[in-house]
Amino acid sequence: QVQLVESGGGLVQPGGSLRLSCAASRSSFTIYTMNWYRQAPGKQRDLVASITSGGSTNYADSVKGRFTISRDATKNTVSLQMNSLKPEDTAIYYCNARRFVHEVPYNYWGQGTQVTVSS
């Protein structure tokens, strides 16, 4: 079991920046692929960025060049640096930890943090 707690959301003007953090309860989270998802009102939850245990990253096309995902194994945290924010980035952002055991996925979710981009 991995417990995840997000922080860092808030209200920011278009063009501004925010940094989200996700703290994991276990040091073994390093074996998990860590993901940030977001869900806007009335829409499905979409993958924003991923980072594997080996440090490989992947981003949704809509955030490439603006968002950066990183992880710090010494602090059991994963972060999402969001720059050049747009109103369409407004959503609840969720941290997710995932690993596969014998091809069976194990997923853990945080409670989410609200990001609002508005002038």
PDB file of N, CA and C in Angstrom:
ATOM      1  N   GLN A   1       0.841  -1.188   0.000  1.00  0.00           N
ATOM      2  CA  GLN A   1       0.000   0.000   0.000  1.00  0.00           C
ATOM      3  C   GLN A   1       0.881   1.245   0.000  1.00  0.00           C
ATOM      4  N   VAL A   2       0.532   2.199  -0.850  1.00  0.00           N
ATOM      5  CA  VAL A   2       1.248   3.468  -0.923  1.00  0.00           C
ATOM      6  C   VAL A   2       0.235   4.587  -0.746  1.00  0.00           C
ATOM      7  N   GLN A   3       0.488   5.464   0.192  1.00  0.00           N
ATOM      8  CA  GLN A   3      -0.372   6.632   0.371  1.00  0.00           C
ATOM      9  C   GLN A   3       0.302   7.839  -0.260  1.00  0.00           C
ATOM     10  N   LEU A   4      -0.497   8.620  -0.982  1.00  0.00           N
ATOM     11  CA  LEU A   4       0.020   9.766  -1.723  1.00  0.00           C
ATOM     12  C   LEU A   4      -0.716  11.019  -1.289  1.00  0.00           C
ATOM     13  N   VAL A   5       0.032  12.083  -1.070  1.00  0.00           N
ATOM     14  CA  VAL A   5      -0.559  13.357  -0.665  1.00  0.00           C
ATOM     15  C   VAL A   5      -0.017  14.453  -1.561  1.00  0.00           C
ATOM     16  N   GLU A   6      -0.937  15.094  -2.294  1.00  0.00           N
ATOM     17  CA  GLU A   6      -0.539  16.182  -3.192  1.00  0.00           C
ATOM     18  C   GLU A   6      -0.591  17.523  -2.471  1.00  0.00           C
ATOM     19  N   SER A   7       0.193  18.454  -2.979  1.00  0.00           N
ATOM     20  CA  SER A   7       0.164  19.824  -2.481  1.00  0.00           C
ATOM     21  C   SER A   7       0.635  20.754  -3.594  1.00  0.00           C
ATOM     22  N   GLY A   8       0.388  22.044  -3.410  1.00  0.00           N
ATOM     23  CA  GLY A   8       0.920  23.030  -4.341  1.00  0.00           C
ATOM     24  C   GLY A   8      -0.078  23.627  -5.310  1.00  0.00           C
ATOM     25  N   GLY A   9      -1.314  23.169  -5.290  1.00  0.00           N
ATOM     26  CA  GLY A   9      -2.307  23.739  -6.179  1.00  0.00           C
ATOM     27  C   GLY A   9      -2.701  25.138  -5.742  1.00  0.00           C
ATOM     28  N   GLY A  10      -3.495  25.790  -6.596  1.00  0.00           N
ATOM     29  CA  GLY A  10      -3.952  27.125  -6.257  1.00  0.00           C
ATOM     30  C   GLY A  10      -4.451  27.876  -7.464  1.00  0.00           C
ATOM     31  N   LEU A  11      -4.599  29.171  -7.286  1.00  0.00           N
ATOM     32  CA  LEU A  11      -5.064  30.066  -8.343  1.00  0.00           C
ATOM     33  C   LEU A  11      -3.874  30.825  -8.912  1.00  0.00           C
ATOM     34  N   VAL A  12      -3.757  30.826 -10.219  1.00  0.00           N
ATOM     35  CA  VAL A  12      -2.655  31.522 -10.877  1.00  0.00           C
ATOM     36  C   VAL A  12      -3.167  32.180 -12.147  1.00  0.00           C
ATOM     37  N   GLN A  13      -2.549  33.276 -12.524  1.00  0.00           N
ATOM     38  CA  GLN A  13      -2.932  33.966 -13.751  1.00  0.00           C
ATOM     39  C   GLN A  13      -2.356  33.260 -14.975  1.00  0.00           C
ATOM     40  N   PRO A  14      -2.994  33.415 -16.111  1.00  0.00           N
ATOM     41  CA  PRO A  14      -2.435  32.848 -17.349  1.00  0.00           C
ATOM     42  C   PRO A  14      -0.997  33.311 -17.559  1.00  0.00           C
ATOM     43  N   GLY A  15      -0.154  32.365 -17.958  1.00  0.00           N
ATOM     44  CA  GLY A  15       1.260  32.651 -18.130  1.00  0.00           C
ATOM     45  C   GLY A  15       2.085  32.411 -16.887  1.00  0.00           C
ATOM     46  N   GLY A  16       1.424  32.184 -15.778  1.00  0.00           N
ATOM     47  CA  GLY A  16       2.127  31.969 -14.516  1.00  0.00           C
ATOM     48  C   GLY A  16       2.605  30.543 -14.340  1.00  0.00           C
ATOM     49  N   SER A  17       3.162  30.272 -13.164  1.00  0.00           N
ATOM     50  CA  SER A  17       3.735  28.961 -12.862  1.00  0.00           C
ATOM     51  C   SER A  17       3.227  28.446 -11.518  1.00  0.00           C
ATOM     52  N   LEU A  18       3.197  27.133 -11.424  1.00  0.00           N
ATOM     53  CA  LEU A  18       2.910  26.445 -10.160  1.00  0.00           C
ATOM     54  C   LEU A  18       3.758  25.192 -10.119  1.00  0.00           C
ATOM     55  N   ARG A  19       4.052  24.771  -8.904  1.00  0.00           N
ATOM     56  CA  ARG A  19       4.776  23.517  -8.719  1.00  0.00           C
ATOM     57  C   ARG A  19       3.958  22.623  -7.802  1.00  0.00           C
ATOM     58  N   LEU A  20       3.548  21.481  -8.334  1.00  0.00           N
ATOM     59  CA  LEU A  20       2.818  20.494  -7.544  1.00  0.00           C
ATOM     60  C   LEU A  20       3.791  19.473  -6.986  1.00  0.00           C
ATOM     61  N   SER A  21       3.514  19.025  -5.778  1.00  0.00           N
ATOM     62  CA  SER A  21       4.321  17.978  -5.158  1.00  0.00           C
ATOM     63  C   SER A  21       3.432  16.842  -4.691  1.00  0.00           C
ATOM     64  N   CYS A  22       3.986  15.666  -4.711  1.00  0.00           N
ATOM     65  CA  CYS A  22       3.279  14.471  -4.250  1.00  0.00           C
ATOM     66  C   CYS A  22       4.221  13.710  -3.334  1.00  0.00           C
ATOM     67  N   ALA A  23       3.816  13.564  -2.099  1.00  0.00           N
ATOM     68  CA  ALA A  23       4.631  12.855  -1.117  1.00  0.00           C
ATOM     69  C   ALA A  23       4.106  11.437  -0.950  1.00  0.00           C
ATOM     70  N   ALA A  24       4.997  10.474  -1.053  1.00  0.00           N
ATOM     71  CA  ALA A  24       4.634   9.064  -0.923  1.00  0.00           C
ATOM     72  C   ALA A  24       4.986   8.561   0.469  1.00  0.00           C
ATOM     73  N   SER A  25       4.173   7.617   0.957  1.00  0.00           N
ATOM     74  CA  SER A  25       4.346   7.144   2.326  1.00  0.00           C
ATOM     75  C   SER A  25       5.444   6.122   2.476  1.00  0.00           C
ATOM     76  N   ARG A  26       5.890   5.552   1.359  1.00  0.00           N
ATOM     77  CA  ARG A  26       6.869   4.487   1.437  1.00  0.00           C
ATOM     78  C   ARG A  26       8.063   4.746   0.538  1.00  0.00           C
ATOM     79  N   SER A  27       9.209   4.416   1.030  1.00  0.00           N
ATOM     80  CA  SER A  27      10.404   4.596   0.210  1.00  0.00           C
ATOM     81  C   SER A  27      10.401   3.660  -0.984  1.00  0.00           C
ATOM     82  N   SER A  28       9.616   2.579  -0.894  1.00  0.00           N
ATOM     83  CA  SER A  28       9.573   1.632  -2.014  1.00  0.00           C
ATOM     84  C   SER A  28       8.848   2.214  -3.215  1.00  0.00           C
ATOM     85  N   PHE A  29       8.343   3.454  -3.072  1.00  0.00           N
ATOM     86  CA  PHE A  29       7.664   4.058  -4.215  1.00  0.00           C
ATOM     87  C   PHE A  29       8.624   4.217  -5.395  1.00  0.00           C
ATOM     88  N   THR A  30       9.921   4.100  -5.125  1.00  0.00           N
ATOM     89  CA  THR A  30      10.879   4.255  -6.214  1.00  0.00           C
ATOM     90  C   THR A  30      10.710   3.193  -7.290  1.00  0.00           C
ATOM     91  N   ILE A  31      10.068   2.070  -6.968  1.00  0.00           N
ATOM     92  CA  ILE A  31       9.871   1.025  -7.971  1.00  0.00           C
ATOM     93  C   ILE A  31       8.635   1.279  -8.813  1.00  0.00           C
ATOM     94  N   TYR A  32       7.854   2.283  -8.429  1.00  0.00           N
ATOM     95  CA  TYR A  32       6.630   2.594  -9.146  1.00  0.00           C
ATOM     96  C   TYR A  32       6.882   3.609 -10.251  1.00  0.00           C
ATOM     97  N   THR A  33       6.107   3.482 -11.333  1.00  0.00           N
ATOM     98  CA  THR A  33       5.986   4.589 -12.268  1.00  0.00           C
ATOM     99  C   THR A  33       5.044   5.603 -11.633  1.00  0.00           C
ATOM    100  N   MET A  34       5.471   6.850 -11.628  1.00  0.00           N
ATOM    101  CA  MET A  34       4.674   7.909 -11.026  1.00  0.00           C
ATOM    102  C   MET A  34       4.060   8.758 -12.130  1.00  0.00           C
ATOM    103  N   ASN A  35       2.794   9.068 -11.944  1.00  0.00           N
ATOM    104  CA  ASN A  35       2.045   9.793 -12.971  1.00  0.00           C
ATOM    105  C   ASN A  35       1.298  10.968 -12.362  1.00  0.00           C
ATOM    106  N   TRP A  36       1.115  11.984 -13.147  1.00  0.00           N
ATOM    107  CA  TRP A  36       0.182  13.065 -12.832  1.00  0.00           C
ATOM    108  C   TRP A  36      -0.950  13.009 -13.855  1.00  0.00           C
ATOM    109  N   TYR A  37      -2.161  12.956 -13.330  1.00  0.00           N
ATOM    110  CA  TYR A  37      -3.370  13.036 -14.138  1.00  0.00           C
ATOM    111  C   TYR A  37      -4.095  14.333 -13.801  1.00  0.00           C
ATOM    112  N   ARG A  38      -5.009  14.721 -14.663  1.00  0.00           N
ATOM    113  CA  ARG A  38      -5.877  15.853 -14.354  1.00  0.00           C
ATOM    114  C   ARG A  38      -7.286  15.597 -14.875  1.00  0.00           C
ATOM    115  N   GLN A  39      -8.225  16.227 -14.193  1.00  0.00           N
ATOM    116  CA  GLN A  39      -9.614  16.062 -14.568  1.00  0.00           C
ATOM    117  C   GLN A  39     -10.322  17.404 -14.447  1.00  0.00           C
ATOM    118  N   ALA A  40     -10.770  17.895 -15.579  1.00  0.00           N
ATOM    119  CA  ALA A  40     -11.542  19.127 -15.608  1.00  0.00           C
ATOM    120  C   ALA A  40     -13.017  18.787 -15.428  1.00  0.00           C
ATOM    121  N   PRO A  41     -13.840  19.748 -14.993  1.00  0.00           N
ATOM    122  CA  PRO A  41     -15.270  19.478 -14.783  1.00  0.00           C
ATOM    123  C   PRO A  41     -15.935  18.934 -16.042  1.00  0.00           C
ATOM    124  N   GLY A  42     -16.642  17.827 -15.875  1.00  0.00           N
ATOM    125  CA  GLY A  42     -17.365  17.243 -16.989  1.00  0.00           C
ATOM    126  C   GLY A  42     -16.527  16.484 -17.984  1.00  0.00           C
ATOM    127  N   LYS A  43     -15.231  16.319 -17.668  1.00  0.00           N
ATOM    128  CA  LYS A  43     -14.340  15.620 -18.592  1.00  0.00           C
ATOM    129  C   LYS A  43     -13.721  14.402 -17.915  1.00  0.00           C
ATOM    130  N   GLN A  44     -13.125  13.538 -18.735  1.00  0.00           N
ATOM    131  CA  GLN A  44     -12.473  12.357 -18.183  1.00  0.00           C
ATOM    132  C   GLN A  44     -11.125  12.725 -17.584  1.00  0.00           C
ATOM    133  N   ARG A  45     -10.609  11.828 -16.785  1.00  0.00           N
ATOM    134  CA  ARG A  45      -9.295  12.021 -16.189  1.00  0.00           C
ATOM    135  C   ARG A  45      -8.229  11.638 -17.222  1.00  0.00           C
ATOM    136  N   ASP A  46      -7.344  12.565 -17.494  1.00  0.00           N
ATOM    137  CA  ASP A  46      -6.332  12.361 -18.524  1.00  0.00           C
ATOM    138  C   ASP A  46      -4.932  12.353 -17.939  1.00  0.00           C
ATOM    139  N   LEU A  47      -4.073  11.562 -18.555  1.00  0.00           N
ATOM    140  CA  LEU A  47      -2.673  11.516 -18.155  1.00  0.00           C
ATOM    141  C   LEU A  47      -1.957  12.779 -18.637  1.00  0.00           C
ATOM    142  N   VAL A  48      -1.218  13.400 -17.736  1.00  0.00           N
ATOM    143  CA  VAL A  48      -0.477  14.625 -18.058  1.00  0.00           C
ATOM    144  C   VAL A  48       1.005  14.325 -18.240  1.00  0.00           C
ATOM    145  N   ALA A  49       1.580  13.589 -17.283  1.00  0.00           N
ATOM    146  CA  ALA A  49       3.011  13.312 -17.331  1.00  0.00           C
ATOM    147  C   ALA A  49       3.323  12.057 -16.529  1.00  0.00           C
ATOM    148  N   SER A  50       4.386  11.364 -16.945  1.00  0.00           N
ATOM    149  CA  SER A  50       4.818  10.144 -16.279  1.00  0.00           C
ATOM    150  C   SER A  50       6.318  10.157 -16.098  1.00  0.00           C
ATOM    151  N   ILE A  51       6.770   9.457 -15.059  1.00  0.00           N
ATOM    152  CA  ILE A  51       8.198   9.234 -14.875  1.00  0.00           C
ATOM    153  C   ILE A  51       8.388   7.825 -14.334  1.00  0.00           C
ATOM    154  N   THR A  52       9.220   7.050 -15.011  1.00  0.00           N
ATOM    155  CA  THR A  52       9.438   5.673 -14.603  1.00  0.00           C
ATOM    156  C   THR A  52      10.441   5.598 -13.453  1.00  0.00           C
ATOM    157  N   SER A  53      10.611   4.397 -12.935  1.00  0.00           N
ATOM    158  CA  SER A  53      11.588   4.199 -11.872  1.00  0.00           C
ATOM    159  C   SER A  53      12.998   4.505 -12.363  1.00  0.00           C
ATOM    160  N   GLY A  54      13.201   4.365 -13.672  1.00  0.00           N
ATOM    161  CA  GLY A  54      14.514   4.663 -14.233  1.00  0.00           C
ATOM    162  C   GLY A  54      14.690   6.113 -14.634  1.00  0.00           C
ATOM    163  N   GLY A  55      13.641   6.908 -14.481  1.00  0.00           N
ATOM    164  CA  GLY A  55      13.756   8.335 -14.776  1.00  0.00           C
ATOM    165  C   GLY A  55      13.286   8.751 -16.161  1.00  0.00           C
ATOM    166  N   SER A  56      12.763   7.809 -16.942  1.00  0.00           N
ATOM    167  CA  SER A  56      12.252   8.174 -18.265  1.00  0.00           C
ATOM    168  C   SER A  56      10.930   8.915 -18.100  1.00  0.00           C
ATOM    169  N   THR A  57      10.759   9.946 -18.905  1.00  0.00           N
ATOM    170  CA  THR A  57       9.567  10.781 -18.780  1.00  0.00           C
ATOM    171  C   THR A  57       8.738  10.767 -20.058  1.00  0.00           C
ATOM    172  N   ASN A  58       7.479  11.070 -19.875  1.00  0.00           N
ATOM    173  CA  ASN A  58       6.557  11.153 -21.011  1.00  0.00           C
ATOM    174  C   ASN A  58       5.524  12.213 -20.675  1.00  0.00           C
ATOM    175  N   TYR A  59       5.093  12.962 -21.711  1.00  0.00           N
ATOM    176  CA  TYR A  59       4.159  14.056 -21.498  1.00  0.00           C
ATOM    177  C   TYR A  59       3.031  14.031 -22.515  1.00  0.00           C
ATOM    178  N   ALA A  60       1.887  14.510 -22.085  1.00  0.00           N
ATOM    179  CA  ALA A  60       0.801  14.743 -23.030  1.00  0.00           C
ATOM    180  C   ALA A  60       1.220  15.863 -23.978  1.00  0.00           C
ATOM    181  N   ASP A  61       0.753  15.781 -25.212  1.00  0.00           N
ATOM    182  CA  ASP A  61       1.135  16.787 -26.204  1.00  0.00           C
ATOM    183  C   ASP A  61       0.762  18.193 -25.747  1.00  0.00           C
ATOM    184  N   SER A  62      -0.335  18.309 -25.035  1.00  0.00           N
ATOM    185  CA  SER A  62      -0.830  19.621 -24.628  1.00  0.00           C
ATOM    186  C   SER A  62       0.069  20.326 -23.613  1.00  0.00           C
ATOM    187  N   VAL A  63       0.966  19.580 -22.959  1.00  0.00           N
ATOM    188  CA  VAL A  63       1.810  20.198 -21.927  1.00  0.00           C
ATOM    189  C   VAL A  63       3.301  20.122 -22.247  1.00  0.00           C
ATOM    190  N   LYS A  64       3.652  19.488 -23.348  1.00  0.00           N
ATOM    191  CA  LYS A  64       5.067  19.370 -23.717  1.00  0.00           C
ATOM    192  C   LYS A  64       5.706  20.748 -23.849  1.00  0.00           C
ATOM    193  N   GLY A  65       6.885  20.866 -23.253  1.00  0.00           N
ATOM    194  CA  GLY A  65       7.599  22.137 -23.304  1.00  0.00           C
ATOM    195  C   GLY A  65       7.190  23.108 -22.221  1.00  0.00           C
ATOM    196  N   ARG A  66       6.113  22.805 -21.509  1.00  0.00           N
ATOM    197  CA  ARG A  66       5.643  23.701 -20.443  1.00  0.00           C
ATOM    198  C   ARG A  66       5.728  23.055 -19.064  1.00  0.00           C
ATOM    199  N   PHE A  67       5.492  21.749 -19.014  1.00  0.00           N
ATOM    200  CA  PHE A  67       5.484  21.020 -17.740  1.00  0.00           C
ATOM    201  C   PHE A  67       6.713  20.129 -17.651  1.00  0.00           C
ATOM    202  N   THR A  68       7.200  19.947 -16.432  1.00  0.00           N
ATOM    203  CA  THR A  68       8.325  19.049 -16.188  1.00  0.00           C
ATOM    204  C   THR A  68       8.033  18.203 -14.957  1.00  0.00           C
ATOM    205  N   ILE A  69       8.134  16.879 -15.140  1.00  0.00           N
ATOM    206  CA  ILE A  69       7.945  15.966 -14.023  1.00  0.00           C
ATOM    207  C   ILE A  69       9.313  15.514 -13.522  1.00  0.00           C
ATOM    208  N   SER A  70       9.427  15.366 -12.210  1.00  0.00           N
ATOM    209  CA  SER A  70      10.687  14.910 -11.623  1.00  0.00           C
ATOM    210  C   SER A  70      10.387  14.144 -10.352  1.00  0.00           C
ATOM    211  N   ARG A  71      11.375  13.352  -9.917  1.00  0.00           N
ATOM    212  CA  ARG A  71      11.189  12.608  -8.672  1.00  0.00           C
ATOM    213  C   ARG A  71      12.457  12.693  -7.839  1.00  0.00           C
ATOM    214  N   ASP A  72      12.271  12.664  -6.541  1.00  0.00           N
ATOM    215  CA  ASP A  72      13.381  12.723  -5.593  1.00  0.00           C
ATOM    216  C   ASP A  72      13.242  11.532  -4.667  1.00  0.00           C
ATOM    217  N   ALA A  73      14.078  10.521  -4.904  1.00  0.00           N
ATOM    218  CA  ALA A  73      13.988   9.293  -4.119  1.00  0.00           C
ATOM    219  C   ALA A  73      14.386   9.520  -2.664  1.00  0.00           C
ATOM    220  N   THR A  74      15.233  10.501  -2.412  1.00  0.00           N
ATOM    221  CA  THR A  74      15.664  10.753  -1.038  1.00  0.00           C
ATOM    222  C   THR A  74      14.547  11.347  -0.191  1.00  0.00           C
ATOM    223  N   LYS A  75      13.586  11.991  -0.864  1.00  0.00           N
ATOM    224  CA  LYS A  75      12.486  12.624  -0.137  1.00  0.00           C
ATOM    225  C   LYS A  75      11.145  11.933  -0.387  1.00  0.00           C
ATOM    226  N   ASN A  76      11.170  10.847  -1.176  1.00  0.00           N
ATOM    227  CA  ASN A  76       9.923  10.138  -1.514  1.00  0.00           C
ATOM    228  C   ASN A  76       8.897  11.069  -2.137  1.00  0.00           C
ATOM    229  N   THR A  77       9.344  11.914  -3.043  1.00  0.00           N
ATOM    230  CA  THR A  77       8.422  12.858  -3.662  1.00  0.00           C
ATOM    231  C   THR A  77       8.533  12.843  -5.182  1.00  0.00           C
ATOM    232  N   VAL A  78       7.444  13.235  -5.809  1.00  0.00           N
ATOM    233  CA  VAL A  78       7.435  13.484  -7.241  1.00  0.00           C
ATOM    234  C   VAL A  78       6.797  14.852  -7.435  1.00  0.00           C
ATOM    235  N   SER A  79       7.340  15.614  -8.353  1.00  0.00           N
ATOM    236  CA  SER A  79       6.882  16.981  -8.559  1.00  0.00           C
ATOM    237  C   SER A  79       6.478  17.218 -10.002  1.00  0.00           C
ATOM    238  N   LEU A  80       5.639  18.212 -10.175  1.00  0.00           N
ATOM    239  CA  LEU A  80       5.246  18.645 -11.513  1.00  0.00           C
ATOM    240  C   LEU A  80       5.398  20.162 -11.568  1.00  0.00           C
ATOM    241  N   GLN A  81       6.407  20.610 -12.294  1.00  0.00           N
ATOM    242  CA  GLN A  81       6.618  22.040 -12.494  1.00  0.00           C
ATOM    243  C   GLN A  81       5.811  22.463 -13.711  1.00  0.00           C
ATOM    244  N   MET A  82       4.919  23.416 -13.501  1.00  0.00           N
ATOM    245  CA  MET A  82       4.024  23.854 -14.564  1.00  0.00           C
ATOM    246  C   MET A  82       4.292  25.321 -14.879  1.00  0.00           C
ATOM    247  N   ASN A  83       4.733  25.575 -16.090  1.00  0.00           N
ATOM    248  CA  ASN A  83       5.022  26.928 -16.535  1.00  0.00           C
ATOM    249  C   ASN A  83       4.092  27.320 -17.678  1.00  0.00           C
ATOM    250  N   SER A  84       4.045  28.613 -17.934  1.00  0.00           N
ATOM    251  CA  SER A  84       3.221  29.134 -19.040  1.00  0.00           C
ATOM    252  C   SER A  84       1.801  28.574 -18.988  1.00  0.00           C
ATOM    253  N   LEU A  85       1.223  28.642 -17.824  1.00  0.00           N
ATOM    254  CA  LEU A  85      -0.089  28.032 -17.621  1.00  0.00           C
ATOM    255  C   LEU A  85      -1.163  28.735 -18.428  1.00  0.00           C
ATOM    256  N   LYS A  86      -2.123  27.922 -18.860  1.00  0.00           N
ATOM    257  CA  LYS A  86      -3.232  28.400 -19.679  1.00  0.00           C
ATOM    258  C   LYS A  86      -4.554  28.109 -18.969  1.00  0.00           C
ATOM    259  N   PRO A  87      -5.607  28.843 -19.285  1.00  0.00           N
ATOM    260  CA  PRO A  87      -6.898  28.550 -18.655  1.00  0.00           C
ATOM    261  C   PRO A  87      -7.332  27.097 -18.848  1.00  0.00           C
ATOM    262  N   GLU A  88      -6.971  26.509 -19.961  1.00  0.00           N
ATOM    263  CA  GLU A  88      -7.354  25.117 -20.208  1.00  0.00           C
ATOM    264  C   GLU A  88      -6.585  24.117 -19.350  1.00  0.00           C
ATOM    265  N   ASP A  89      -5.606  24.589 -18.601  1.00  0.00           N
ATOM    266  CA  ASP A  89      -4.919  23.716 -17.641  1.00  0.00           C
ATOM    267  C   ASP A  89      -5.699  23.600 -16.337  1.00  0.00           C
ATOM    268  N   THR A  90      -6.754  24.366 -16.201  1.00  0.00           N
ATOM    269  CA  THR A  90      -7.567  24.323 -14.994  1.00  0.00           C
ATOM    270  C   THR A  90      -8.179  22.933 -14.815  1.00  0.00           C
ATOM    271  N   ALA A  91      -7.936  22.331 -13.656  1.00  0.00           N
ATOM    272  CA  ALA A  91      -8.418  20.976 -13.384  1.00  0.00           C
ATOM    273  C   ALA A  91      -8.014  20.587 -11.961  1.00  0.00           C
ATOM    274  N   ILE A  92      -8.525  19.464 -11.537  1.00  0.00           N
ATOM    275  CA  ILE A  92      -7.984  18.823 -10.339  1.00  0.00           C
ATOM    276  C   ILE A  92      -6.858  17.904 -10.802  1.00  0.00           C
ATOM    277  N   TYR A  93      -5.715  18.037 -10.177  1.00  0.00           N
ATOM    278  CA  TYR A  93      -4.541  17.243 -10.529  1.00  0.00           C
ATOM    279  C   TYR A  93      -4.346  16.133  -9.501  1.00  0.00           C
ATOM    280  N   TYR A  94      -4.158  14.929 -10.015  1.00  0.00           N
ATOM    281  CA  TYR A  94      -4.023  13.754  -9.171  1.00  0.00           C
ATOM    282  C   TYR A  94      -2.661  13.100  -9.374  1.00  0.00           C
ATOM    283  N   CYS A  95      -2.072  12.711  -8.281  1.00  0.00           N
ATOM    284  CA  CYS A  95      -0.844  11.926  -8.309  1.00  0.00           C
ATOM    285  C   CYS A  95      -1.221  10.444  -8.304  1.00  0.00           C
ATOM    286  N   ASN A  96      -0.497   9.671  -9.091  1.00  0.00           N
ATOM    287  CA  ASN A  96      -0.776   8.236  -9.212  1.00  0.00           C
ATOM    288  C   ASN A  96       0.532   7.455  -9.174  1.00  0.00           C
ATOM    289  N   ALA A  97       0.503   6.353  -8.446  1.00  0.00           N
ATOM    290  CA  ALA A  97       1.634   5.424  -8.432  1.00  0.00           C
ATOM    291  C   ALA A  97       1.159   4.106  -9.016  1.00  0.00           C
ATOM    292  N   ARG A  98       1.920   3.567  -9.948  1.00  0.00           N
ATOM    293  CA  ARG A  98       1.490   2.341 -10.621  1.00  0.00           C
ATOM    294  C   ARG A  98       2.673   1.398 -10.802  1.00  0.00           C
ATOM    295  N   ARG A  99       2.393   0.120 -10.561  1.00  0.00           N
ATOM    296  CA  ARG A  99       3.357  -0.903 -10.931  1.00  0.00           C
ATOM    297  C   ARG A  99       2.600  -2.160 -11.308  1.00  0.00           C
ATOM    298  N   PHE A 100       3.275  -3.019 -12.018  1.00  0.00           N
ATOM    299  CA  PHE A 100       2.682  -4.263 -12.479  1.00  0.00           C
ATOM    300  C   PHE A 100       3.358  -5.425 -11.775  1.00  0.00           C
ATOM    301  N   VAL A 101       2.539  -6.328 -11.265  1.00  0.00           N
ATOM    302  CA  VAL A 101       3.039  -7.551 -10.676  1.00  0.00           C
ATOM    303  C   VAL A 101       2.409  -8.704 -11.454  1.00  0.00           C
ATOM    304  N   HIS A 102       3.247  -9.440 -12.157  1.00  0.00           N
ATOM    305  CA  HIS A 102       2.734 -10.513 -13.021  1.00  0.00           C
ATOM    306  C   HIS A 102       1.641  -9.988 -13.943  1.00  0.00           C
ATOM    307  N   GLU A 103       1.898  -8.820 -14.522  1.00  0.00           N
ATOM    308  CA  GLU A 103       1.010  -8.164 -15.481  1.00  0.00           C
ATOM    309  C   GLU A 103      -0.276  -7.644 -14.864  1.00  0.00           C
ATOM    310  N   VAL A 104      -0.412  -7.700 -13.571  1.00  0.00           N
ATOM    311  CA  VAL A 104      -1.586  -7.134 -12.900  1.00  0.00           C
ATOM    312  C   VAL A 104      -1.225  -5.736 -12.400  1.00  0.00           C
ATOM    313  N   PRO A 105      -1.989  -4.701 -12.819  1.00  0.00           N
ATOM    314  CA  PRO A 105      -1.656  -3.339 -12.387  1.00  0.00           C
ATOM    315  C   PRO A 105      -2.104  -3.065 -10.955  1.00  0.00           C
ATOM    316  N   TYR A 106      -1.242  -2.403 -10.235  1.00  0.00           N
ATOM    317  CA  TYR A 106      -1.566  -1.902  -8.899  1.00  0.00           C
ATOM    318  C   TYR A 106      -1.477  -0.385  -8.947  1.00  0.00           C
ATOM    319  N   ASN A 107      -2.586   0.271  -8.640  1.00  0.00           N
ATOM    320  CA  ASN A 107      -2.686   1.718  -8.717  1.00  0.00           C
ATOM    321  C   ASN A 107      -3.004   2.315  -7.361  1.00  0.00           C
ATOM    322  N   TYR A 108      -2.350   3.414  -7.063  1.00  0.00           N
ATOM    323  CA  TYR A 108      -2.638   4.181  -5.860  1.00  0.00           C
ATOM    324  C   TYR A 108      -2.804   5.641  -6.262  1.00  0.00           C
ATOM    325  N   TRP A 109      -3.775   6.306  -5.612  1.00  0.00           N
ATOM    326  CA  TRP A 109      -4.113   7.683  -5.990  1.00  0.00           C
ATOM    327  C   TRP A 109      -4.053   8.613  -4.787  1.00  0.00           C
ATOM    328  N   GLY A 110      -3.673   9.833  -5.060  1.00  0.00           N
ATOM    329  CA  GLY A 110      -3.813  10.870  -4.065  1.00  0.00           C
ATOM    330  C   GLY A 110      -5.220  11.448  -4.104  1.00  0.00           C
ATOM    331  N   GLN A 111      -5.467  12.412  -3.226  1.00  0.00           N
ATOM    332  CA  GLN A 111      -6.806  12.986  -3.109  1.00  0.00           C
ATOM    333  C   GLN A 111      -7.054  14.098  -4.115  1.00  0.00           C
ATOM    334  N   GLY A 112      -6.007  14.559  -4.764  1.00  0.00           N
ATOM    335  CA  GLY A 112      -6.146  15.602  -5.774  1.00  0.00           C
ATOM    336  C   GLY A 112      -5.901  16.993  -5.215  1.00  0.00           C
ATOM    337  N   THR A 113      -5.443  17.872  -6.097  1.00  0.00           N
ATOM    338  CA  THR A 113      -5.240  19.272  -5.726  1.00  0.00           C
ATOM    339  C   THR A 113      -5.749  20.148  -6.876  1.00  0.00           C
ATOM    340  N   GLN A 114      -6.474  21.185  -6.520  1.00  0.00           N
ATOM    341  CA  GLN A 114      -7.104  22.040  -7.528  1.00  0.00           C
ATOM    342  C   GLN A 114      -6.101  23.048  -8.087  1.00  0.00           C
ATOM    343  N   VAL A 115      -6.081  23.136  -9.409  1.00  0.00           N
ATOM    344  CA  VAL A 115      -5.310  24.163 -10.109  1.00  0.00           C
ATOM    345  C   VAL A 115      -6.292  24.978 -10.935  1.00  0.00           C
ATOM    346  N   THR A 116      -6.298  26.277 -10.696  1.00  0.00           N
ATOM    347  CA  THR A 116      -7.179  27.180 -11.436  1.00  0.00           C
ATOM    348  C   THR A 116      -6.334  28.254 -12.101  1.00  0.00           C
ATOM    349  N   VAL A 117      -6.472  28.362 -13.413  1.00  0.00           N
ATOM    350  CA  VAL A 117      -5.729  29.366 -14.174  1.00  0.00           C
ATOM    351  C   VAL A 117      -6.758  30.374 -14.698  1.00  0.00           C
ATOM    352  N   SER A 118      -6.694  31.556 -14.149  1.00  0.00           N
ATOM    353  CA  SER A 118      -7.691  32.563 -14.490  1.00  0.00           C
ATOM    354  C   SER A 118      -7.163  33.949 -14.165  1.00  0.00           C
ATOM    355  N   SER A 119      -7.601  34.914 -14.965  1.00  0.00           N
ATOM    356  CA  SER A 119      -7.225  36.294 -14.694  1.00  0.00           C
ATOM    357  C   SER A 119      -8.302  36.983 -13.853  1.00  0.00           C
TER     358      SER A 119
END
